[in-house]
Amino acid sequence: DHLTILAVYEAWRAHKYSNPWCYENFIQSRALRRAQDVRKQLLAIMDRYKLNVVSAGRNYNKVRRAIVSGFFQNVARKDPQEGYKTLVEGTPVYIHPSSSLFQRNPDW
Protein backbone atom coordinates (compact mmCIF):
# COMPACT_ATOMS: atom_id res chain seq x y z
CA ASP A 1 0.00 0.00 0.00
CA HIS A 2 0.97 3.66 -0.18
CA LEU A 3 2.14 3.92 3.42
CA THR A 4 4.45 0.92 2.95
CA ILE A 5 5.94 2.56 -0.13
CA LEU A 6 6.41 5.77 1.87
CA ALA A 7 8.16 3.81 4.64
CA VAL A 8 10.48 2.18 2.09
CA TYR A 9 11.33 5.58 0.57
CA GLU A 10 12.03 7.03 4.04
CA ALA A 11 14.28 4.06 4.90
CA TRP A 12 16.15 4.50 1.60
CA ARG A 13 16.60 8.20 2.37
CA ALA A 14 17.84 7.34 5.89
CA HIS A 15 20.47 5.13 4.24
CA LYS A 16 21.61 8.07 2.07
CA TYR A 17 19.91 6.78 -1.11
CA SER A 18 22.18 3.73 -1.14
CA ASN A 19 22.11 1.29 -4.06
CA PRO A 20 23.59 -1.51 -1.92
CA TRP A 21 20.77 -0.99 0.60
CA CYS A 22 18.25 -1.49 -2.22
CA TYR A 23 20.03 -4.66 -3.32
CA GLU A 24 20.11 -6.04 0.25
CA ASN A 25 16.38 -5.34 0.67
CA PHE A 26 15.31 -6.62 -2.77
CA ILE A 27 14.12 -3.19 -3.91
CA GLN A 28 14.73 -1.70 -7.35
CA SER A 29 16.80 1.43 -6.93
CA ARG A 30 15.56 2.69 -10.31
CA ALA A 31 11.98 2.84 -8.98
CA LEU A 32 13.11 4.76 -5.91
CA ARG A 33 15.15 7.15 -8.05
CA ARG A 34 12.04 7.79 -10.14
CA ALA A 35 10.11 8.59 -6.94
CA GLN A 36 12.93 10.91 -5.92
CA ASP A 37 12.73 12.68 -9.31
CA VAL A 38 8.96 13.12 -8.96
CA ARG A 39 9.47 14.54 -5.47
CA LYS A 40 12.03 17.02 -6.80
CA GLN A 41 9.62 18.07 -9.55
CA LEU A 42 6.84 18.63 -7.03
CA LEU A 43 9.16 20.67 -4.81
CA ALA A 44 10.15 22.80 -7.83
CA ILE A 45 6.50 23.43 -8.69
CA MET A 46 5.73 24.41 -5.10
CA ASP A 47 8.74 26.72 -5.09
CA ARG A 48 7.68 28.32 -8.39
CA TYR A 49 4.24 29.12 -6.97
CA LYS A 50 5.71 30.12 -3.61
CA LEU A 51 3.85 27.43 -1.69
CA ASN A 52 5.12 26.22 1.67
CA VAL A 53 6.23 22.62 1.98
CA VAL A 54 4.51 21.18 5.05
CA SER A 55 5.30 17.67 6.18
CA ALA A 56 2.74 15.37 7.75
CA GLY A 57 5.59 13.87 9.76
CA ARG A 58 4.43 10.64 11.39
CA ASN A 59 0.76 11.66 11.24
CA TYR A 60 -0.34 8.93 8.85
CA ASN A 61 -3.97 10.02 9.05
CA LYS A 62 -3.01 13.17 7.14
CA VAL A 63 -1.28 11.04 4.53
CA ARG A 64 -4.32 8.76 4.27
CA ARG A 65 -6.62 11.77 3.83
CA ALA A 66 -4.42 13.15 1.06
CA ILE A 67 -4.44 9.80 -0.75
CA VAL A 68 -8.18 9.35 -0.37
CA SER A 69 -8.91 12.87 -1.63
CA GLY A 70 -6.96 12.05 -4.79
CA PHE A 71 -8.79 8.77 -5.34
CA PHE A 72 -12.31 9.89 -4.40
CA GLN A 73 -13.77 8.78 -7.74
CA ASN A 74 -12.76 5.21 -6.84
CA VAL A 75 -14.35 5.08 -3.38
CA ALA A 76 -16.98 2.36 -3.02
CA ARG A 77 -19.38 1.19 -0.34
CA LYS A 78 -20.55 -2.37 0.37
CA ASP A 79 -23.76 -3.14 -1.50
CA PRO A 80 -26.01 -5.77 0.12
CA GLN A 81 -26.94 -7.29 -3.25
CA GLU A 82 -23.74 -7.24 -5.29
CA GLY A 83 -20.20 -6.58 -4.07
CA TYR A 84 -19.57 -2.85 -3.86
CA LYS A 85 -20.83 0.27 -5.64
CA THR A 86 -18.88 3.47 -6.24
CA LEU A 87 -20.19 6.44 -4.27
CA VAL A 88 -20.05 8.91 -7.14
CA GLU A 89 -21.70 6.97 -9.99
CA GLY A 90 -23.07 3.84 -8.31
CA THR A 91 -21.08 1.57 -10.63
CA PRO A 92 -20.81 -2.01 -9.35
CA VAL A 93 -17.22 -2.97 -8.54
CA TYR A 94 -15.59 -6.02 -6.98
CA ILE A 95 -12.45 -6.72 -4.96
CA HIS A 96 -9.89 -8.69 -6.94
CA PRO A 97 -9.33 -12.24 -5.63
CA SER A 98 -5.59 -11.59 -5.20
CA SER A 99 -6.26 -8.61 -2.89
CA SER A 100 -5.61 -8.98 0.84
CA LEU A 101 -9.10 -7.51 1.32
CA PHE A 102 -10.82 -10.16 -0.80
CA GLN A 103 -12.27 -12.37 1.99
CA ARG A 104 -12.43 -9.57 4.57
CA ASN A 105 -15.58 -7.80 5.68
CA PRO A 106 -15.43 -4.00 5.40
CA ASP A 107 -15.00 -1.90 8.54
CA TRP A 108 -17.89 0.35 7.49
C-alpha atoms as a PDB file:
ATOM      1  CA  ASP A   1       0.000   0.000   0.000  1.00  0.00           C
ATOM      2  CA  HIS A   2       0.974   3.658  -0.183  1.00  0.00           C
ATOM      3  CA  LEU A   3       2.139   3.917   3.419  1.00  0.00           C
ATOM      4  CA  THR A   4       4.446   0.922   2.945  1.00  0.00           C
ATOM      5  CA  ILE A   5       5.943   2.565  -0.131  1.00  0.00           C
ATOM      6  CA  LEU A   6       6.412   5.771   1.866  1.00  0.00           C
ATOM      7  CA  ALA A   7       8.159   3.809   4.640  1.00  0.00           C
ATOM      8  CA  VAL A   8      10.482   2.178   2.085  1.00  0.00           C
ATOM      9  CA  TYR A   9      11.335   5.579   0.573  1.00  0.00           C
ATOM     10  CA  GLU A  10      12.028   7.026   4.041  1.00  0.00           C
ATOM     11  CA  ALA A  11      14.277   4.059   4.899  1.00  0.00           C
ATOM     12  CA  TRP A  12      16.148   4.503   1.603  1.00  0.00           C
ATOM     13  CA  ARG A  13      16.598   8.200   2.371  1.00  0.00           C
ATOM     14  CA  ALA A  14      17.838   7.339   5.892  1.00  0.00           C
ATOM     15  CA  HIS A  15      20.474   5.132   4.236  1.00  0.00           C
ATOM     16  CA  LYS A  16      21.613   8.068   2.072  1.00  0.00           C
ATOM     17  CA  TYR A  17      19.913   6.781  -1.106  1.00  0.00           C
ATOM     18  CA  SER A  18      22.176   3.727  -1.143  1.00  0.00           C
ATOM     19  CA  ASN A  19      22.107   1.293  -4.061  1.00  0.00           C
ATOM     20  CA  PRO A  20      23.595  -1.512  -1.917  1.00  0.00           C
ATOM     21  CA  TRP A  21      20.771  -0.992   0.597  1.00  0.00           C
ATOM     22  CA  CYS A  22      18.250  -1.493  -2.217  1.00  0.00           C
ATOM     23  CA  TYR A  23      20.029  -4.660  -3.320  1.00  0.00           C
ATOM     24  CA  GLU A  24      20.114  -6.037   0.248  1.00  0.00           C
ATOM     25  CA  ASN A  25      16.384  -5.343   0.673  1.00  0.00           C
ATOM     26  CA  PHE A  26      15.305  -6.617  -2.771  1.00  0.00           C
ATOM     27  CA  ILE A  27      14.124  -3.188  -3.911  1.00  0.00           C
ATOM     28  CA  GLN A  28      14.727  -1.697  -7.349  1.00  0.00           C
ATOM     29  CA  SER A  29      16.800   1.427  -6.933  1.00  0.00           C
ATOM     30  CA  ARG A  30      15.560   2.692 -10.306  1.00  0.00           C
ATOM     31  CA  ALA A  31      11.977   2.843  -8.984  1.00  0.00           C
ATOM     32  CA  LEU A  32      13.105   4.760  -5.913  1.00  0.00           C
ATOM     33  CA  ARG A  33      15.145   7.153  -8.049  1.00  0.00           C
ATOM     34  CA  ARG A  34      12.039   7.792 -10.136  1.00  0.00           C
ATOM     35  CA  ALA A  35      10.113   8.590  -6.945  1.00  0.00           C
ATOM     36  CA  GLN A  36      12.934  10.908  -5.924  1.00  0.00           C
ATOM     37  CA  ASP A  37      12.727  12.683  -9.306  1.00  0.00           C
ATOM     38  CA  VAL A  38       8.962  13.122  -8.956  1.00  0.00           C
ATOM     39  CA  ARG A  39       9.465  14.540  -5.468  1.00  0.00           C
ATOM     40  CA  LYS A  40      12.032  17.020  -6.802  1.00  0.00           C
ATOM     41  CA  GLN A  41       9.619  18.074  -9.548  1.00  0.00           C
ATOM     42  CA  LEU A  42       6.836  18.628  -7.027  1.00  0.00           C
ATOM     43  CA  LEU A  43       9.159  20.674  -4.810  1.00  0.00           C
ATOM     44  CA  ALA A  44      10.155  22.801  -7.825  1.00  0.00           C
ATOM     45  CA  ILE A  45       6.497  23.428  -8.687  1.00  0.00           C
ATOM     46  CA  MET A  46       5.732  24.407  -5.104  1.00  0.00           C
ATOM     47  CA  ASP A  47       8.744  26.721  -5.090  1.00  0.00           C
ATOM     48  CA  ARG A  48       7.683  28.315  -8.391  1.00  0.00           C
ATOM     49  CA  TYR A  49       4.240  29.124  -6.973  1.00  0.00           C
ATOM     50  CA  LYS A  50       5.713  30.119  -3.608  1.00  0.00           C
ATOM     51  CA  LEU A  51       3.851  27.435  -1.687  1.00  0.00           C
ATOM     52  CA  ASN A  52       5.117  26.220   1.673  1.00  0.00           C
ATOM     53  CA  VAL A  53       6.227  22.620   1.977  1.00  0.00           C
ATOM     54  CA  VAL A  54       4.513  21.184   5.047  1.00  0.00           C
ATOM     55  CA  SER A  55       5.302  17.669   6.179  1.00  0.00           C
ATOM     56  CA  ALA A  56       2.742  15.368   7.746  1.00  0.00           C
ATOM     57  CA  GLY A  57       5.589  13.868   9.763  1.00  0.00           C
ATOM     58  CA  ARG A  58       4.429  10.644  11.395  1.00  0.00           C
ATOM     59  CA  ASN A  59       0.759  11.661  11.236  1.00  0.00           C
ATOM     60  CA  TYR A  60      -0.344   8.928   8.850  1.00  0.00           C
ATOM     61  CA  ASN A  61      -3.972  10.016   9.050  1.00  0.00           C
ATOM     62  CA  LYS A  62      -3.013  13.173   7.142  1.00  0.00           C
ATOM     63  CA  VAL A  63      -1.276  11.036   4.528  1.00  0.00           C
ATOM     64  CA  ARG A  64      -4.316   8.758   4.270  1.00  0.00           C
ATOM     65  CA  ARG A  65      -6.617  11.768   3.831  1.00  0.00           C
ATOM     66  CA  ALA A  66      -4.422  13.153   1.060  1.00  0.00           C
ATOM     67  CA  ILE A  67      -4.436   9.804  -0.746  1.00  0.00           C
ATOM     68  CA  VAL A  68      -8.181   9.350  -0.375  1.00  0.00           C
ATOM     69  CA  SER A  69      -8.909  12.873  -1.634  1.00  0.00           C
ATOM     70  CA  GLY A  70      -6.959  12.053  -4.787  1.00  0.00           C
ATOM     71  CA  PHE A  71      -8.792   8.770  -5.340  1.00  0.00           C
ATOM     72  CA  PHE A  72     -12.307   9.891  -4.399  1.00  0.00           C
ATOM     73  CA  GLN A  73     -13.774   8.783  -7.740  1.00  0.00           C
ATOM     74  CA  ASN A  74     -12.762   5.213  -6.840  1.00  0.00           C
ATOM     75  CA  VAL A  75     -14.347   5.084  -3.377  1.00  0.00           C
ATOM     76  CA  ALA A  76     -16.982   2.360  -3.017  1.00  0.00           C
ATOM     77  CA  ARG A  77     -19.380   1.186  -0.344  1.00  0.00           C
ATOM     78  CA  LYS A  78     -20.550  -2.368   0.366  1.00  0.00           C
ATOM     79  CA  ASP A  79     -23.756  -3.142  -1.499  1.00  0.00           C
ATOM     80  CA  PRO A  80     -26.005  -5.769   0.121  1.00  0.00           C
ATOM     81  CA  GLN A  81     -26.940  -7.292  -3.251  1.00  0.00           C
ATOM     82  CA  GLU A  82     -23.735  -7.237  -5.288  1.00  0.00           C
ATOM     83  CA  GLY A  83     -20.205  -6.581  -4.067  1.00  0.00           C
ATOM     84  CA  TYR A  84     -19.570  -2.853  -3.860  1.00  0.00           C
ATOM     85  CA  LYS A  85     -20.827   0.272  -5.638  1.00  0.00           C
ATOM     86  CA  THR A  86     -18.884   3.471  -6.245  1.00  0.00           C
ATOM     87  CA  LEU A  87     -20.191   6.440  -4.275  1.00  0.00           C
ATOM     88  CA  VAL A  88     -20.055   8.910  -7.145  1.00  0.00           C
ATOM     89  CA  GLU A  89     -21.696   6.970  -9.987  1.00  0.00           C
ATOM     90  CA  GLY A  90     -23.071   3.840  -8.308  1.00  0.00           C
ATOM     91  CA  THR A  91     -21.083   1.570 -10.628  1.00  0.00           C
ATOM     92  CA  PRO A  92     -20.807  -2.014  -9.346  1.00  0.00           C
ATOM     93  CA  VAL A  93     -17.215  -2.973  -8.538  1.00  0.00           C
ATOM     94  CA  TYR A  94     -15.585  -6.020  -6.976  1.00  0.00           C
ATOM     95  CA  ILE A  95     -12.448  -6.725  -4.958  1.00  0.00           C
ATOM     96  CA  HIS A  96      -9.889  -8.692  -6.937  1.00  0.00           C
ATOM     97  CA  PRO A  97      -9.325 -12.245  -5.628  1.00  0.00           C
ATOM     98  CA  SER A  98      -5.592 -11.589  -5.201  1.00  0.00           C
ATOM     99  CA  SER A  99      -6.261  -8.606  -2.890  1.00  0.00           C
ATOM    100  CA  SER A 100      -5.609  -8.977   0.837  1.00  0.00           C
ATOM    101  CA  LEU A 101      -9.100  -7.511   1.322  1.00  0.00           C
ATOM    102  CA  PHE A 102     -10.823 -10.157  -0.796  1.00  0.00           C
ATOM    103  CA  GLN A 103     -12.266 -12.368   1.986  1.00  0.00           C
ATOM    104  CA  ARG A 104     -12.425  -9.572   4.570  1.00  0.00           C
ATOM    105  CA  ASN A 105     -15.576  -7.799   5.683  1.00  0.00           C
ATOM    106  CA  PRO A 106     -15.431  -4.004   5.404  1.00  0.00           C
ATOM    107  CA  ASP A 107     -15.000  -1.902   8.544  1.00  0.00           C
ATOM    108  CA  TRP A 108     -17.891   0.352   7.489  1.00  0.00           C
END
